Amino acid sequence: MLLRLLVTNWIQGQAKQKLQGSVTDYLSQATSQNAEDPESQIDTVDVAIIMALGVEAGGLCDLLENKVTIAGPGFKEHVGYLGGTAVSLVESGVGAKSAANATKLILQSRQPKSVVSAGFATGLIAEARKGHIVMANEVTNTAGESQPIPFAISEEEAAGRKGLHVGRLLTVNKMISKVKQKQELAEQHQAIAMDMETAAVAKICAEHQVRFMSVRIITDGLMDQLPRHLEHMLKQKKTTSMLGAAASALINNPSSIKEMWNMRDVAMKASDRLARFLTGVIEQLAEPTDQ
């Protein structure tokens, strides 16, 4: 969670995604892209993957074949094929509201049979280390509203696979950076990891009776905490303030540039590893099911 915000806000030079367009314009594009080439046109998809940011989606986006990218109202959609399966990969923007809005539109425009909430997450147990995969069998929010996720492997199966965890995922409504805060949330909600979108996506899918899964990769662990100068930078609300804080960090802490680029490298590797895992998930979701 901390990693994706830092990479997006500072290294990519954008404090916030701002994509132009309206719902009407998006739906028009979504049903007519590549109209001049009917063979490559995709109206409906088998699987929709909802991710918050491009830094998370990049690895999977690179694997899509015959890809078409459409700017939606506040989000971006990449539509293509993965091993013959039609996939919609959505960069929804950060937070529950953005994820919910994007999910609603994708359900309306693409009618996916399955939806997966995916991306980066923070580990809330010592065992959930950087690079590990978390498949939630339940998602809860800070208000204590929980929803089971039946489409996940069992905890027994996960125990036999190194770096894979199954358990409760907590969705929070703001960035959590302090170790003590993470420990308190872990104890209060009995969660193994946390993110900022999954509960909202799960709720929309339940309302529309669409099959749902959650797959997250840990990019910062329970005991990880940003250096104070980087944390101060992330708290800035305006781009100008963030750039000022970044300049100050570089002047007062020259090593911070190395820290930032190291985090960028971690993000790129995490995105690629998540993409490889999701490839197998998508293959299974595309198979016929009696459920």
Protein backbone atom coordinates (compact mmCIF):
# COMPACT_ATOMS: atom_id res chain seq x y z
CA MET A 1 0.00 0.00 0.00
CA LEU A 2 2.74 2.45 0.97
CA LEU A 3 4.90 1.30 -1.90
CA ARG A 4 2.34 1.79 -4.65
CA LEU A 5 1.47 5.29 -3.42
CA LEU A 6 5.11 6.34 -3.26
CA VAL A 7 5.95 4.96 -6.70
CA THR A 8 2.88 6.54 -8.28
CA ASN A 9 2.94 9.90 -6.52
CA TRP A 10 6.63 10.69 -6.63
CA ILE A 11 8.57 8.66 -9.17
CA GLN A 12 5.82 8.81 -11.79
CA GLY A 13 5.19 12.44 -10.90
CA GLN A 14 1.45 12.25 -10.34
CA ALA A 15 -0.29 12.85 -7.04
CA LYS A 16 -3.60 11.66 -8.42
CA GLN A 17 -4.99 9.97 -11.52
CA LYS A 18 -7.15 12.35 -13.53
CA LEU A 19 -8.71 10.75 -16.60
CA GLN A 20 -11.18 12.76 -18.58
CA GLY A 21 -14.47 11.53 -19.95
CA SER A 22 -18.03 10.76 -18.99
CA VAL A 23 -19.90 7.55 -18.33
CA THR A 24 -21.78 7.93 -21.60
CA ASP A 25 -18.60 8.47 -23.60
CA TYR A 26 -16.92 5.49 -21.98
CA LEU A 27 -19.80 3.11 -22.61
CA SER A 28 -19.88 4.27 -26.22
CA GLN A 29 -16.16 3.52 -26.63
CA ALA A 30 -16.45 0.22 -24.77
CA THR A 31 -18.99 -1.12 -27.25
CA SER A 32 -17.35 0.18 -30.40
CA GLN A 33 -13.56 -0.01 -30.01
CA ASN A 34 -11.78 -1.40 -33.08
CA ALA A 35 -15.06 -1.23 -35.01
CA GLU A 36 -13.02 -1.08 -38.21
CA ASP A 37 -11.59 -4.51 -37.35
CA PRO A 38 -14.52 -6.69 -36.20
CA GLU A 39 -12.32 -9.75 -35.65
CA SER A 40 -10.37 -7.98 -32.89
CA GLN A 41 -13.36 -6.38 -31.24
CA ILE A 42 -14.25 -7.53 -27.71
CA ASP A 43 -17.73 -6.75 -26.45
CA THR A 44 -17.90 -9.03 -23.42
CA VAL A 45 -15.13 -10.64 -21.38
CA ASP A 46 -14.69 -13.78 -19.33
CA VAL A 47 -12.72 -12.15 -16.52
CA ALA A 48 -12.37 -8.57 -15.24
CA ILE A 49 -9.36 -7.69 -13.08
CA ILE A 50 -9.73 -4.57 -10.95
CA MET A 51 -6.46 -2.94 -9.86
CA ALA A 52 -5.99 0.52 -8.41
CA LEU A 53 -2.97 1.76 -10.32
CA GLY A 54 -0.88 1.25 -13.41
CA VAL A 55 2.17 0.31 -11.32
CA GLU A 56 0.20 -2.71 -10.09
CA ALA A 57 -1.38 -3.59 -13.44
CA GLY A 58 1.75 -3.17 -15.58
CA GLY A 59 2.96 -6.77 -15.41
CA LEU A 60 -0.38 -8.26 -16.49
CA CYS A 61 -1.03 -5.50 -19.02
CA ASP A 62 2.22 -6.45 -20.82
CA LEU A 63 0.94 -10.02 -21.24
CA LEU A 64 -2.38 -9.11 -22.90
CA GLU A 65 -2.65 -9.85 -26.62
CA ASN A 66 -4.58 -7.69 -29.12
CA LYS A 67 -4.84 -5.11 -26.40
CA VAL A 68 -7.05 -2.04 -26.65
CA THR A 69 -6.88 0.74 -24.05
CA ILE A 70 -9.88 2.96 -23.28
CA ALA A 71 -10.01 5.98 -20.96
CA GLY A 72 -13.08 5.75 -18.75
CA PRO A 73 -14.61 8.26 -16.32
CA GLY A 74 -11.86 8.33 -13.70
CA PHE A 75 -10.22 5.05 -14.70
CA LYS A 76 -8.45 3.25 -17.53
CA GLU A 77 -9.37 -0.09 -19.10
CA HIS A 78 -7.16 -2.47 -21.07
CA VAL A 79 -9.07 -5.14 -23.00
CA GLY A 80 -7.36 -8.09 -24.63
CA TYR A 81 -6.73 -11.82 -24.59
CA LEU A 82 -4.68 -13.98 -22.26
CA GLY A 83 -4.29 -17.54 -23.49
CA GLY A 84 -7.51 -17.25 -25.48
CA THR A 85 -9.45 -15.79 -22.54
CA ALA A 86 -11.03 -12.36 -23.03
CA VAL A 87 -9.87 -10.11 -20.18
CA SER A 88 -10.70 -6.58 -19.01
CA LEU A 89 -7.87 -5.13 -16.90
CA VAL A 90 -9.00 -1.99 -15.10
CA GLU A 91 -6.92 0.70 -13.39
CA SER A 92 -9.66 1.99 -11.11
CA GLY A 93 -7.83 4.58 -9.03
CA VAL A 94 -7.11 4.32 -5.31
CA GLY A 95 -9.78 3.71 -2.69
CA ALA A 96 -13.16 2.06 -2.23
CA LYS A 97 -15.23 4.66 -4.09
CA SER A 98 -13.07 4.59 -7.20
CA ALA A 99 -12.95 0.79 -7.21
CA ALA A 100 -16.71 0.49 -6.74
CA ASN A 101 -17.50 2.95 -9.55
CA ALA A 102 -15.14 1.22 -11.98
CA THR A 103 -16.53 -2.21 -11.09
CA LYS A 104 -20.11 -1.08 -11.70
CA LEU A 105 -19.25 0.24 -15.15
CA ILE A 106 -17.27 -2.86 -16.13
CA LEU A 107 -20.14 -5.11 -15.07
CA GLN A 108 -22.47 -2.99 -17.19
CA SER A 109 -20.24 -2.71 -20.25
CA ARG A 110 -18.41 -6.07 -20.35
CA GLN A 111 -20.67 -8.53 -18.44
CA PRO A 112 -17.72 -10.54 -17.05
CA LYS A 113 -18.43 -13.98 -15.62
CA SER A 114 -15.79 -13.43 -12.94
CA VAL A 115 -14.19 -10.41 -11.24
CA VAL A 116 -10.86 -10.37 -9.41
CA SER A 117 -9.71 -7.59 -7.08
CA ALA A 118 -5.91 -7.61 -7.35
CA GLY A 119 -2.87 -5.49 -6.61
CA PHE A 120 -0.48 -4.64 -3.80
CA ALA A 121 -1.20 -5.17 -0.11
CA THR A 122 0.35 -4.73 3.33
CA GLY A 123 1.08 -7.78 5.43
CA LEU A 124 -0.50 -7.86 8.89
CA ILE A 125 1.15 -11.05 10.10
CA ALA A 126 4.86 -11.77 10.30
CA GLU A 127 4.52 -14.73 7.94
CA ALA A 128 3.14 -12.55 5.11
CA ARG A 129 6.40 -11.24 3.72
CA LYS A 130 7.28 -9.14 0.69
CA GLY A 131 6.59 -11.02 -2.51
CA HIS A 132 4.12 -13.43 -0.92
CA ILE A 133 0.66 -13.91 -2.44
CA VAL A 134 -2.55 -13.54 -0.40
CA MET A 135 -5.82 -15.10 -1.57
CA ALA A 136 -8.61 -13.88 0.68
CA ASN A 137 -11.35 -16.25 1.79
CA GLU A 138 -13.08 -13.36 3.54
CA VAL A 139 -12.91 -9.59 3.32
CA THR A 140 -13.84 -7.12 6.03
CA ASN A 141 -13.70 -3.36 6.50
CA THR A 142 -12.90 -1.21 9.52
CA ALA A 143 -16.62 -1.03 10.40
CA GLY A 144 -16.58 -4.80 10.86
CA GLU A 145 -18.73 -5.55 7.79
CA SER A 146 -17.51 -8.90 6.46
CA GLN A 147 -18.17 -10.92 3.33
CA PRO A 148 -17.00 -14.47 2.64
CA ILE A 149 -15.13 -15.19 -0.60
CA PRO A 150 -15.84 -18.81 -1.49
CA PHE A 151 -13.70 -18.82 -4.63
CA ALA A 152 -10.29 -19.32 -3.02
CA ILE A 153 -8.14 -22.33 -2.32
CA SER A 154 -8.26 -23.81 1.19
CA GLU A 155 -5.85 -22.84 3.94
CA GLU A 156 -4.62 -26.44 3.94
CA GLU A 157 -3.76 -26.25 0.22
CA ALA A 158 -2.01 -22.90 0.71
CA ALA A 159 0.06 -24.31 3.58
CA GLY A 160 1.71 -26.65 1.11
CA ARG A 161 2.73 -23.85 -1.24
CA LYS A 162 5.59 -21.60 -0.19
CA GLY A 163 4.78 -17.90 -0.25
CA LEU A 164 1.00 -18.35 -0.52
CA HIS A 165 -1.45 -17.39 2.24
CA VAL A 166 -5.21 -17.77 2.57
CA GLY A 167 -7.20 -15.82 5.16
CA ARG A 168 -9.08 -12.65 6.00
CA LEU A 169 -8.25 -9.45 4.14
CA LEU A 170 -8.94 -6.04 5.71
CA THR A 171 -9.91 -3.06 3.54
CA VAL A 172 -9.03 0.32 5.08
CA ASN A 173 -10.05 3.80 3.98
CA LYS A 174 -6.70 5.55 4.39
CA MET A 175 -3.00 4.88 4.21
CA ILE A 176 -1.68 3.11 7.31
CA SER A 177 2.05 3.56 7.86
CA LYS A 178 2.81 3.05 11.55
CA VAL A 179 3.81 -0.41 12.76
CA LYS A 180 1.73 0.00 15.91
CA GLN A 181 -1.37 0.88 13.86
CA LYS A 182 -0.89 -2.20 11.70
CA GLN A 183 -0.50 -4.42 14.74
CA GLU A 184 -3.66 -3.00 16.30
CA LEU A 185 -5.67 -3.53 13.10
CA ALA A 186 -4.37 -7.08 12.74
CA GLU A 187 -5.44 -7.93 16.28
CA GLN A 188 -8.80 -6.16 16.05
CA HIS A 189 -9.85 -7.70 12.73
CA GLN A 190 -7.86 -10.95 12.73
CA ALA A 191 -6.67 -10.17 9.21
CA ILE A 192 -3.53 -11.39 7.50
CA ALA A 193 -3.21 -8.43 5.10
CA MET A 194 -4.87 -5.13 4.18
CA ASP A 195 -5.64 -3.08 1.10
CA MET A 196 -7.90 -0.16 0.15
CA GLU A 197 -10.32 -1.57 -2.45
CA THR A 198 -11.30 -5.23 -2.13
CA ALA A 199 -14.30 -4.88 0.20
CA ALA A 200 -15.91 -2.36 -2.17
CA VAL A 201 -15.40 -4.55 -5.25
CA ALA A 202 -16.68 -7.63 -3.39
CA LYS A 203 -19.84 -5.79 -2.35
CA ILE A 204 -20.68 -4.72 -5.91
CA CYS A 205 -20.10 -8.25 -7.22
CA ALA A 206 -22.33 -9.72 -4.50
CA GLU A 207 -25.10 -7.29 -5.42
CA HIS A 208 -24.85 -8.35 -9.07
CA GLN A 209 -24.33 -12.05 -8.24
CA VAL A 210 -21.03 -12.20 -10.11
CA ARG A 211 -18.31 -14.64 -9.13
CA PHE A 212 -15.57 -12.84 -7.18
CA MET A 213 -11.99 -13.50 -6.07
CA SER A 214 -9.22 -11.50 -4.44
CA VAL A 215 -5.51 -11.91 -5.18
CA ARG A 216 -2.95 -9.61 -3.60
CA ILE A 217 0.84 -9.49 -3.40
CA ILE A 218 2.59 -8.21 -0.28
CA THR A 219 4.83 -5.23 -0.95
CA ASP A 220 5.36 -4.08 2.64
CA GLY A 221 5.31 -6.25 5.71
CA LEU A 222 3.99 -5.84 9.22
CA MET A 223 7.23 -4.36 10.59
CA ASP A 224 8.07 -2.23 7.55
CA GLN A 225 7.80 1.52 7.96
CA LEU A 226 8.78 4.34 5.65
CA PRO A 227 11.58 6.68 6.71
CA ARG A 228 10.10 9.82 8.26
CA HIS A 229 11.09 12.10 5.35
CA LEU A 230 9.36 9.86 2.81
CA GLU A 231 6.26 9.51 5.00
CA HIS A 232 6.07 13.31 5.27
CA MET A 233 6.19 13.57 1.49
CA LEU A 234 3.32 11.14 1.02
CA LYS A 235 1.09 13.10 3.40
CA GLN A 236 1.13 16.18 1.17
CA LYS A 237 -2.25 16.84 -0.46
CA LYS A 238 -1.07 18.95 -3.39
CA THR A 239 1.41 18.13 -6.12
CA THR A 240 3.37 21.32 -5.46
CA SER A 241 3.64 20.47 -1.76
CA MET A 242 4.75 16.95 -2.58
CA LEU A 243 7.41 18.18 -4.96
CA GLY A 244 8.63 20.59 -2.28
CA ALA A 245 8.78 17.81 0.28
CA ALA A 246 10.61 15.60 -2.22
CA ALA A 247 13.19 18.34 -2.91
CA SER A 248 13.68 18.79 0.82
CA ALA A 249 14.14 15.06 1.28
CA LEU A 250 16.80 14.93 -1.44
CA ILE A 251 18.68 17.89 0.03
CA ASN A 252 18.54 16.78 3.65
CA ASN A 253 18.69 13.03 2.97
CA PRO A 254 20.59 12.36 -0.27
CA SER A 255 20.19 8.62 0.27
CA SER A 256 16.42 9.00 -0.17
CA ILE A 257 16.76 8.92 -3.96
CA LYS A 258 18.29 5.45 -3.69
CA GLU A 259 15.49 4.38 -1.31
CA MET A 260 12.85 5.56 -3.76
CA TRP A 261 14.39 3.78 -6.73
CA ASN A 262 14.82 0.62 -4.68
CA MET A 263 11.10 0.77 -3.89
CA ARG A 264 10.35 1.27 -7.57
CA ASP A 265 12.34 -1.86 -8.36
CA VAL A 266 10.39 -3.80 -5.72
CA ALA A 267 7.13 -2.55 -7.25
CA MET A 268 8.08 -3.65 -10.76
CA LYS A 269 9.10 -7.12 -9.58
CA ALA A 270 5.92 -7.43 -7.50
CA SER A 271 3.77 -6.47 -10.48
CA ASP A 272 5.46 -9.12 -12.64
CA ARG A 273 5.13 -11.85 -10.00
CA LEU A 274 1.48 -10.98 -9.42
CA ALA A 275 0.90 -11.17 -13.20
CA ARG A 276 2.37 -14.67 -13.37
CA PHE A 277 0.14 -15.85 -10.52
CA LEU A 278 -2.94 -14.21 -12.03
CA THR A 279 -2.30 -15.96 -15.33
CA GLY A 280 -3.00 -19.29 -13.63
CA VAL A 281 -6.02 -17.85 -11.82
CA ILE A 282 -7.51 -16.53 -15.06
CA GLU A 283 -7.02 -19.90 -16.75
CA GLN A 284 -8.98 -21.60 -13.96
CA LEU A 285 -11.74 -18.99 -13.97
CA ALA A 286 -12.19 -19.40 -17.72
CA GLU A 287 -12.83 -23.13 -17.33
CA PRO A 288 -16.46 -24.32 -17.36
CA THR A 289 -17.97 -24.57 -13.88
CA ASP A 290 -21.14 -26.05 -12.44
CA GLN A 291 -21.33 -23.34 -9.74
